[in-house]
Protein backbone atom coordinates (compact mmCIF):
# COMPACT_ATOMS: atom_id res chain seq x y z
CA UNK A 1 0.00 0.00 0.00
CA UNK A 2 1.44 3.36 -1.02
CA UNK A 3 0.92 5.83 1.84
CA UNK A 4 2.17 8.71 -0.31
CA UNK A 5 -0.80 8.52 -2.66
CA UNK A 6 -4.01 8.71 -0.65
CA UNK A 7 -7.20 8.60 -2.63
CA UNK A 8 -10.44 9.58 -0.94
CA UNK A 9 -13.15 6.96 -1.04
CA UNK A 10 -16.59 8.29 -1.89
CA UNK A 11 -19.74 6.40 -0.99
CA UNK A 12 -22.22 5.96 -3.83
CA UNK A 13 -25.16 5.65 -1.44
CA UNK A 14 -25.76 5.46 2.30
CA UNK A 15 -24.42 2.32 3.99
CA UNK A 16 -26.24 0.60 6.84
CA UNK A 17 -23.88 -1.60 8.86
CA UNK A 18 -26.55 -3.14 11.06
CA UNK A 19 -29.94 -2.04 12.33
CA UNK A 20 -28.50 0.79 14.42
CA UNK A 21 -25.46 2.25 12.57
CA UNK A 22 -25.87 4.24 9.33
CA UNK A 23 -23.08 5.88 7.33
CA UNK A 24 -24.55 8.78 5.37
CA UNK A 25 -23.44 10.23 2.04
CA UNK A 26 -22.21 13.51 3.55
CA UNK A 27 -19.79 11.64 5.85
CA UNK A 28 -21.91 11.75 9.02
CA UNK A 29 -22.75 8.70 11.10
CA UNK A 30 -26.15 8.12 12.69
CA UNK A 31 -26.47 5.66 15.57
CA UNK A 32 -30.01 4.71 16.56
CA UNK A 33 -30.64 2.79 19.79
CA UNK A 34 -32.36 -0.58 19.69
CA UNK A 35 -36.19 -0.50 19.74
CA UNK A 36 -36.43 -2.29 23.09
CA UNK A 37 -34.54 0.61 24.71
CA UNK A 38 -37.12 3.26 23.69
CA UNK A 39 -38.35 3.77 27.25
CA UNK A 40 -34.90 4.83 28.53
CA UNK A 41 -33.90 8.50 28.58
CA UNK A 42 -30.24 9.19 27.92
CA UNK A 43 -30.09 12.95 28.53
CA UNK A 44 -32.22 15.35 30.58
CA UNK A 45 -34.78 15.80 27.80
CA UNK A 46 -32.83 17.95 25.37
CA UNK A 47 -30.07 17.53 22.79
CA UNK A 48 -26.51 17.46 24.19
CA UNK A 49 -23.50 18.45 22.09
CA UNK A 50 -20.03 17.12 22.79
CA UNK A 51 -16.61 17.91 21.36
CA UNK A 52 -15.78 16.29 18.06
CA UNK A 53 -19.18 16.96 16.49
CA UNK A 54 -21.16 14.43 18.55
CA UNK A 55 -24.82 15.19 19.32
CA UNK A 56 -26.98 12.97 21.52
CA UNK A 57 -30.79 13.31 21.65
CA UNK A 58 -32.90 12.47 24.68
CA UNK A 59 -33.96 9.11 23.20
CA UNK A 60 -30.33 8.07 22.61
CA UNK A 61 -30.14 8.83 18.90
CA UNK A 62 -26.51 9.87 18.29
CA UNK A 63 -25.24 11.91 15.34
CA UNK A 64 -21.49 11.97 14.66
CA UNK A 65 -20.54 14.71 12.21
CA UNK A 66 -17.58 14.45 9.90
CA UNK A 67 -14.57 16.71 10.21
CA UNK A 68 -14.62 19.97 8.29
CA UNK A 69 -13.58 19.49 4.71
CA UNK A 70 -10.70 21.66 3.60
CA UNK A 71 -9.51 22.66 7.05
CA UNK A 72 -5.76 22.42 7.28
CA UNK A 73 -5.31 23.32 10.89
CA UNK A 74 -3.81 26.61 12.08
CA UNK A 75 -2.62 28.91 9.33
CA UNK A 76 0.34 30.27 11.29
CA UNK A 77 3.05 28.57 13.28
CA UNK A 78 4.53 30.52 16.21
CA UNK A 79 8.30 30.70 15.95
CA UNK A 80 9.19 33.03 18.79
CA UNK A 81 7.29 34.95 21.48
CA UNK A 82 8.05 37.93 23.66
CA UNK A 83 5.94 39.45 26.43
CA UNK A 84 3.84 41.51 24.01
CA UNK A 85 4.88 40.26 20.58
CA UNK A 86 5.07 37.13 18.50
CA UNK A 87 6.88 36.01 15.37
CA UNK A 88 4.66 33.76 13.28
CA UNK A 89 5.20 32.01 9.97
CA UNK A 90 2.70 30.55 7.53
CA UNK A 91 2.83 26.79 7.36
CA UNK A 92 5.35 25.38 4.88
CA UNK A 93 3.85 24.83 1.44
CA UNK A 94 5.14 21.59 -0.11
CA UNK A 95 4.38 20.54 -3.67
CA UNK A 96 2.84 17.07 -3.66
CA UNK A 97 4.33 16.15 -7.05
CA UNK A 98 8.03 16.51 -6.22
CA UNK A 99 8.13 17.42 -2.51
CA UNK A 100 9.82 20.83 -2.95
CA UNK A 101 8.89 23.70 -0.67
CA UNK A 102 7.30 26.79 -2.20
CA UNK A 103 9.42 29.40 -0.43
CA UNK A 104 7.72 32.30 -2.23
CA UNK A 105 4.40 31.38 -0.51
CA UNK A 106 5.79 31.32 3.04
CA UNK A 107 5.68 34.55 5.01
CA UNK A 108 6.95 35.62 8.42
CA UNK A 109 4.81 38.00 10.46
CA UNK A 110 5.76 40.04 13.53
CA UNK A 111 2.81 41.12 15.66
CA UNK A 112 2.75 43.30 18.77
CA UNK A 113 -0.14 43.82 21.19
CA UNK A 114 0.32 46.44 23.88
CA UNK A 115 -2.46 47.42 26.31
CA UNK A 116 -3.70 51.00 25.94
CA UNK A 117 -3.26 51.63 29.65
CA UNK A 118 0.57 51.54 29.30
CA UNK A 119 0.74 54.99 27.75
CA UNK A 120 2.83 56.16 24.83
CA UNK A 121 6.25 56.46 26.54
CA UNK A 122 6.13 52.97 28.13
CA UNK A 123 4.77 51.42 24.93
CA UNK A 124 7.62 52.92 22.87
CA UNK A 125 10.23 51.70 25.38
CA UNK A 126 8.79 48.17 25.49
CA UNK A 127 8.47 48.13 21.71
CA UNK A 128 12.13 49.05 21.30
CA UNK A 129 13.27 46.31 23.71
CA UNK A 130 11.10 43.62 22.18
CA UNK A 131 11.95 44.67 18.61
CA UNK A 132 15.65 44.30 19.44
CA UNK A 133 14.96 40.88 20.95
CA UNK A 134 13.05 39.78 17.83
CA UNK A 135 15.79 41.08 15.51
CA UNK A 136 18.33 39.07 17.53
CA UNK A 137 16.15 36.03 16.98
CA UNK A 138 16.10 36.69 13.21
CA UNK A 139 19.91 36.85 13.16
CA UNK A 140 20.15 33.43 14.84
CA UNK A 141 17.73 31.72 12.46
CA UNK A 142 19.19 28.95 10.36
CA UNK A 143 16.96 29.87 7.41
CA UNK A 144 17.52 33.17 5.71
CA UNK A 145 14.75 35.72 6.08
CA UNK A 146 13.95 37.49 2.79
CA UNK A 147 12.76 41.05 3.36
CA UNK A 148 10.45 42.73 0.87
C-alpha atoms as a PDB file:
ATOM      1  CA  UNK A   1       0.000   0.000   0.000  1.00  0.00           C
ATOM      2  CA  UNK A   2       1.435   3.357  -1.019  1.00  0.00           C
ATOM      3  CA  UNK A   3       0.921   5.826   1.836  1.00  0.00           C
ATOM      4  CA  UNK A   4       2.174   8.714  -0.309  1.00  0.00           C
ATOM      5  CA  UNK A   5      -0.796   8.520  -2.660  1.00  0.00           C
ATOM      6  CA  UNK A   6      -4.005   8.711  -0.647  1.00  0.00           C
ATOM      7  CA  UNK A   7      -7.197   8.601  -2.626  1.00  0.00           C
ATOM      8  CA  UNK A   8     -10.439   9.583  -0.939  1.00  0.00           C
ATOM      9  CA  UNK A   9     -13.148   6.961  -1.042  1.00  0.00           C
ATOM     10  CA  UNK A  10     -16.593   8.287  -1.888  1.00  0.00           C
ATOM     11  CA  UNK A  11     -19.738   6.404  -0.990  1.00  0.00           C
ATOM     12  CA  UNK A  12     -22.215   5.959  -3.829  1.00  0.00           C
ATOM     13  CA  UNK A  13     -25.161   5.652  -1.443  1.00  0.00           C
ATOM     14  CA  UNK A  14     -25.762   5.455   2.295  1.00  0.00           C
ATOM     15  CA  UNK A  15     -24.417   2.322   3.988  1.00  0.00           C
ATOM     16  CA  UNK A  16     -26.235   0.597   6.838  1.00  0.00           C
ATOM     17  CA  UNK A  17     -23.877  -1.598   8.858  1.00  0.00           C
ATOM     18  CA  UNK A  18     -26.552  -3.137  11.056  1.00  0.00           C
ATOM     19  CA  UNK A  19     -29.937  -2.040  12.334  1.00  0.00           C
ATOM     20  CA  UNK A  20     -28.501   0.788  14.424  1.00  0.00           C
ATOM     21  CA  UNK A  21     -25.463   2.246  12.569  1.00  0.00           C
ATOM     22  CA  UNK A  22     -25.874   4.244   9.330  1.00  0.00           C
ATOM     23  CA  UNK A  23     -23.082   5.879   7.333  1.00  0.00           C
ATOM     24  CA  UNK A  24     -24.550   8.782   5.366  1.00  0.00           C
ATOM     25  CA  UNK A  25     -23.435  10.234   2.036  1.00  0.00           C
ATOM     26  CA  UNK A  26     -22.205  13.508   3.551  1.00  0.00           C
ATOM     27  CA  UNK A  27     -19.789  11.644   5.850  1.00  0.00           C
ATOM     28  CA  UNK A  28     -21.912  11.746   9.015  1.00  0.00           C
ATOM     29  CA  UNK A  29     -22.748   8.699  11.098  1.00  0.00           C
ATOM     30  CA  UNK A  30     -26.153   8.121  12.686  1.00  0.00           C
ATOM     31  CA  UNK A  31     -26.472   5.663  15.570  1.00  0.00           C
ATOM     32  CA  UNK A  32     -30.014   4.709  16.562  1.00  0.00           C
ATOM     33  CA  UNK A  33     -30.643   2.788  19.790  1.00  0.00           C
ATOM     34  CA  UNK A  34     -32.361  -0.584  19.690  1.00  0.00           C
ATOM     35  CA  UNK A  35     -36.188  -0.501  19.735  1.00  0.00           C
ATOM     36  CA  UNK A  36     -36.428  -2.294  23.090  1.00  0.00           C
ATOM     37  CA  UNK A  37     -34.544   0.611  24.708  1.00  0.00           C
ATOM     38  CA  UNK A  38     -37.116   3.257  23.694  1.00  0.00           C
ATOM     39  CA  UNK A  39     -38.352   3.773  27.249  1.00  0.00           C
ATOM     40  CA  UNK A  40     -34.896   4.834  28.526  1.00  0.00           C
ATOM     41  CA  UNK A  41     -33.903   8.500  28.582  1.00  0.00           C
ATOM     42  CA  UNK A  42     -30.240   9.193  27.917  1.00  0.00           C
ATOM     43  CA  UNK A  43     -30.093  12.954  28.525  1.00  0.00           C
ATOM     44  CA  UNK A  44     -32.218  15.351  30.583  1.00  0.00           C
ATOM     45  CA  UNK A  45     -34.778  15.795  27.804  1.00  0.00           C
ATOM     46  CA  UNK A  46     -32.830  17.953  25.367  1.00  0.00           C
ATOM     47  CA  UNK A  47     -30.065  17.529  22.787  1.00  0.00           C
ATOM     48  CA  UNK A  48     -26.514  17.457  24.193  1.00  0.00           C
ATOM     49  CA  UNK A  49     -23.496  18.454  22.091  1.00  0.00           C
ATOM     50  CA  UNK A  50     -20.028  17.119  22.793  1.00  0.00           C
ATOM     51  CA  UNK A  51     -16.613  17.907  21.364  1.00  0.00           C
ATOM     52  CA  UNK A  52     -15.780  16.286  18.056  1.00  0.00           C
ATOM     53  CA  UNK A  53     -19.184  16.962  16.493  1.00  0.00           C
ATOM     54  CA  UNK A  54     -21.160  14.435  18.545  1.00  0.00           C
ATOM     55  CA  UNK A  55     -24.816  15.191  19.323  1.00  0.00           C
ATOM     56  CA  UNK A  56     -26.985  12.974  21.518  1.00  0.00           C
ATOM     57  CA  UNK A  57     -30.790  13.307  21.651  1.00  0.00           C
ATOM     58  CA  UNK A  58     -32.896  12.466  24.682  1.00  0.00           C
ATOM     59  CA  UNK A  59     -33.961   9.113  23.199  1.00  0.00           C
ATOM     60  CA  UNK A  60     -30.332   8.069  22.606  1.00  0.00           C
ATOM     61  CA  UNK A  61     -30.145   8.829  18.896  1.00  0.00           C
ATOM     62  CA  UNK A  62     -26.512   9.873  18.292  1.00  0.00           C
ATOM     63  CA  UNK A  63     -25.238  11.909  15.339  1.00  0.00           C
ATOM     64  CA  UNK A  64     -21.493  11.966  14.662  1.00  0.00           C
ATOM     65  CA  UNK A  65     -20.538  14.711  12.214  1.00  0.00           C
ATOM     66  CA  UNK A  66     -17.582  14.449   9.902  1.00  0.00           C
ATOM     67  CA  UNK A  67     -14.569  16.712  10.209  1.00  0.00           C
ATOM     68  CA  UNK A  68     -14.618  19.966   8.289  1.00  0.00           C
ATOM     69  CA  UNK A  69     -13.584  19.494   4.708  1.00  0.00           C
ATOM     70  CA  UNK A  70     -10.700  21.656   3.597  1.00  0.00           C
ATOM     71  CA  UNK A  71      -9.511  22.656   7.047  1.00  0.00           C
ATOM     72  CA  UNK A  72      -5.759  22.421   7.282  1.00  0.00           C
ATOM     73  CA  UNK A  73      -5.309  23.325  10.893  1.00  0.00           C
ATOM     74  CA  UNK A  74      -3.813  26.607  12.081  1.00  0.00           C
ATOM     75  CA  UNK A  75      -2.625  28.913   9.329  1.00  0.00           C
ATOM     76  CA  UNK A  76       0.343  30.272  11.289  1.00  0.00           C
ATOM     77  CA  UNK A  77       3.045  28.569  13.278  1.00  0.00           C
ATOM     78  CA  UNK A  78       4.527  30.525  16.212  1.00  0.00           C
ATOM     79  CA  UNK A  79       8.300  30.697  15.949  1.00  0.00           C
ATOM     80  CA  UNK A  80       9.192  33.035  18.791  1.00  0.00           C
ATOM     81  CA  UNK A  81       7.292  34.948  21.477  1.00  0.00           C
ATOM     82  CA  UNK A  82       8.055  37.925  23.659  1.00  0.00           C
ATOM     83  CA  UNK A  83       5.939  39.446  26.427  1.00  0.00           C
ATOM     84  CA  UNK A  84       3.835  41.510  24.005  1.00  0.00           C
ATOM     85  CA  UNK A  85       4.878  40.257  20.582  1.00  0.00           C
ATOM     86  CA  UNK A  86       5.070  37.130  18.495  1.00  0.00           C
ATOM     87  CA  UNK A  87       6.878  36.005  15.370  1.00  0.00           C
ATOM     88  CA  UNK A  88       4.661  33.757  13.276  1.00  0.00           C
ATOM     89  CA  UNK A  89       5.201  32.013   9.974  1.00  0.00           C
ATOM     90  CA  UNK A  90       2.700  30.555   7.531  1.00  0.00           C
ATOM     91  CA  UNK A  91       2.828  26.791   7.364  1.00  0.00           C
ATOM     92  CA  UNK A  92       5.352  25.383   4.884  1.00  0.00           C
ATOM     93  CA  UNK A  93       3.847  24.827   1.440  1.00  0.00           C
ATOM     94  CA  UNK A  94       5.135  21.591  -0.105  1.00  0.00           C
ATOM     95  CA  UNK A  95       4.379  20.543  -3.674  1.00  0.00           C
ATOM     96  CA  UNK A  96       2.837  17.067  -3.665  1.00  0.00           C
ATOM     97  CA  UNK A  97       4.330  16.153  -7.048  1.00  0.00           C
ATOM     98  CA  UNK A  98       8.029  16.513  -6.215  1.00  0.00           C
ATOM     99  CA  UNK A  99       8.135  17.416  -2.512  1.00  0.00           C
ATOM    100  CA  UNK A 100       9.817  20.827  -2.948  1.00  0.00           C
ATOM    101  CA  UNK A 101       8.889  23.703  -0.666  1.00  0.00           C
ATOM    102  CA  UNK A 102       7.303  26.795  -2.195  1.00  0.00           C
ATOM    103  CA  UNK A 103       9.418  29.403  -0.425  1.00  0.00           C
ATOM    104  CA  UNK A 104       7.718  32.297  -2.234  1.00  0.00           C
ATOM    105  CA  UNK A 105       4.401  31.377  -0.514  1.00  0.00           C
ATOM    106  CA  UNK A 106       5.794  31.322   3.036  1.00  0.00           C
ATOM    107  CA  UNK A 107       5.677  34.546   5.005  1.00  0.00           C
ATOM    108  CA  UNK A 108       6.955  35.625   8.417  1.00  0.00           C
ATOM    109  CA  UNK A 109       4.808  38.004  10.461  1.00  0.00           C
ATOM    110  CA  UNK A 110       5.761  40.044  13.527  1.00  0.00           C
ATOM    111  CA  UNK A 111       2.811  41.115  15.661  1.00  0.00           C
ATOM    112  CA  UNK A 112       2.750  43.300  18.772  1.00  0.00           C
ATOM    113  CA  UNK A 113      -0.143  43.819  21.190  1.00  0.00           C
ATOM    114  CA  UNK A 114       0.320  46.441  23.884  1.00  0.00           C
ATOM    115  CA  UNK A 115      -2.457  47.417  26.311  1.00  0.00           C
ATOM    116  CA  UNK A 116      -3.698  50.995  25.944  1.00  0.00           C
ATOM    117  CA  UNK A 117      -3.256  51.629  29.654  1.00  0.00           C
ATOM    118  CA  UNK A 118       0.567  51.543  29.296  1.00  0.00           C
ATOM    119  CA  UNK A 119       0.742  54.993  27.748  1.00  0.00           C
ATOM    120  CA  UNK A 120       2.833  56.161  24.834  1.00  0.00           C
ATOM    121  CA  UNK A 121       6.246  56.455  26.545  1.00  0.00           C
ATOM    122  CA  UNK A 122       6.130  52.975  28.129  1.00  0.00           C
ATOM    123  CA  UNK A 123       4.771  51.425  24.928  1.00  0.00           C
ATOM    124  CA  UNK A 124       7.615  52.917  22.873  1.00  0.00           C
ATOM    125  CA  UNK A 125      10.229  51.704  25.380  1.00  0.00           C
ATOM    126  CA  UNK A 126       8.791  48.174  25.490  1.00  0.00           C
ATOM    127  CA  UNK A 127       8.470  48.125  21.712  1.00  0.00           C
ATOM    128  CA  UNK A 128      12.133  49.049  21.296  1.00  0.00           C
ATOM    129  CA  UNK A 129      13.273  46.305  23.714  1.00  0.00           C
ATOM    130  CA  UNK A 130      11.103  43.621  22.176  1.00  0.00           C
ATOM    131  CA  UNK A 131      11.947  44.667  18.605  1.00  0.00           C
ATOM    132  CA  UNK A 132      15.650  44.301  19.444  1.00  0.00           C
ATOM    133  CA  UNK A 133      14.960  40.877  20.953  1.00  0.00           C
ATOM    134  CA  UNK A 134      13.053  39.780  17.835  1.00  0.00           C
ATOM    135  CA  UNK A 135      15.786  41.078  15.512  1.00  0.00           C
ATOM    136  CA  UNK A 136      18.326  39.072  17.533  1.00  0.00           C
ATOM    137  CA  UNK A 137      16.147  36.035  16.978  1.00  0.00           C
ATOM    138  CA  UNK A 138      16.099  36.691  13.212  1.00  0.00           C
ATOM    139  CA  UNK A 139      19.907  36.852  13.164  1.00  0.00           C
ATOM    140  CA  UNK A 140      20.154  33.432  14.838  1.00  0.00           C
ATOM    141  CA  UNK A 141      17.731  31.715  12.458  1.00  0.00           C
ATOM    142  CA  UNK A 142      19.194  28.947  10.357  1.00  0.00           C
ATOM    143  CA  UNK A 143      16.964  29.868   7.414  1.00  0.00           C
ATOM    144  CA  UNK A 144      17.523  33.170   5.710  1.00  0.00           C
ATOM    145  CA  UNK A 145      14.746  35.724   6.076  1.00  0.00           C
ATOM    146  CA  UNK A 146      13.955  37.490   2.794  1.00  0.00           C
ATOM    147  CA  UNK A 147      12.764  41.050   3.359  1.00  0.00           C
ATOM    148  CA  UNK A 148      10.454  42.735   0.866  1.00  0.00           C
END
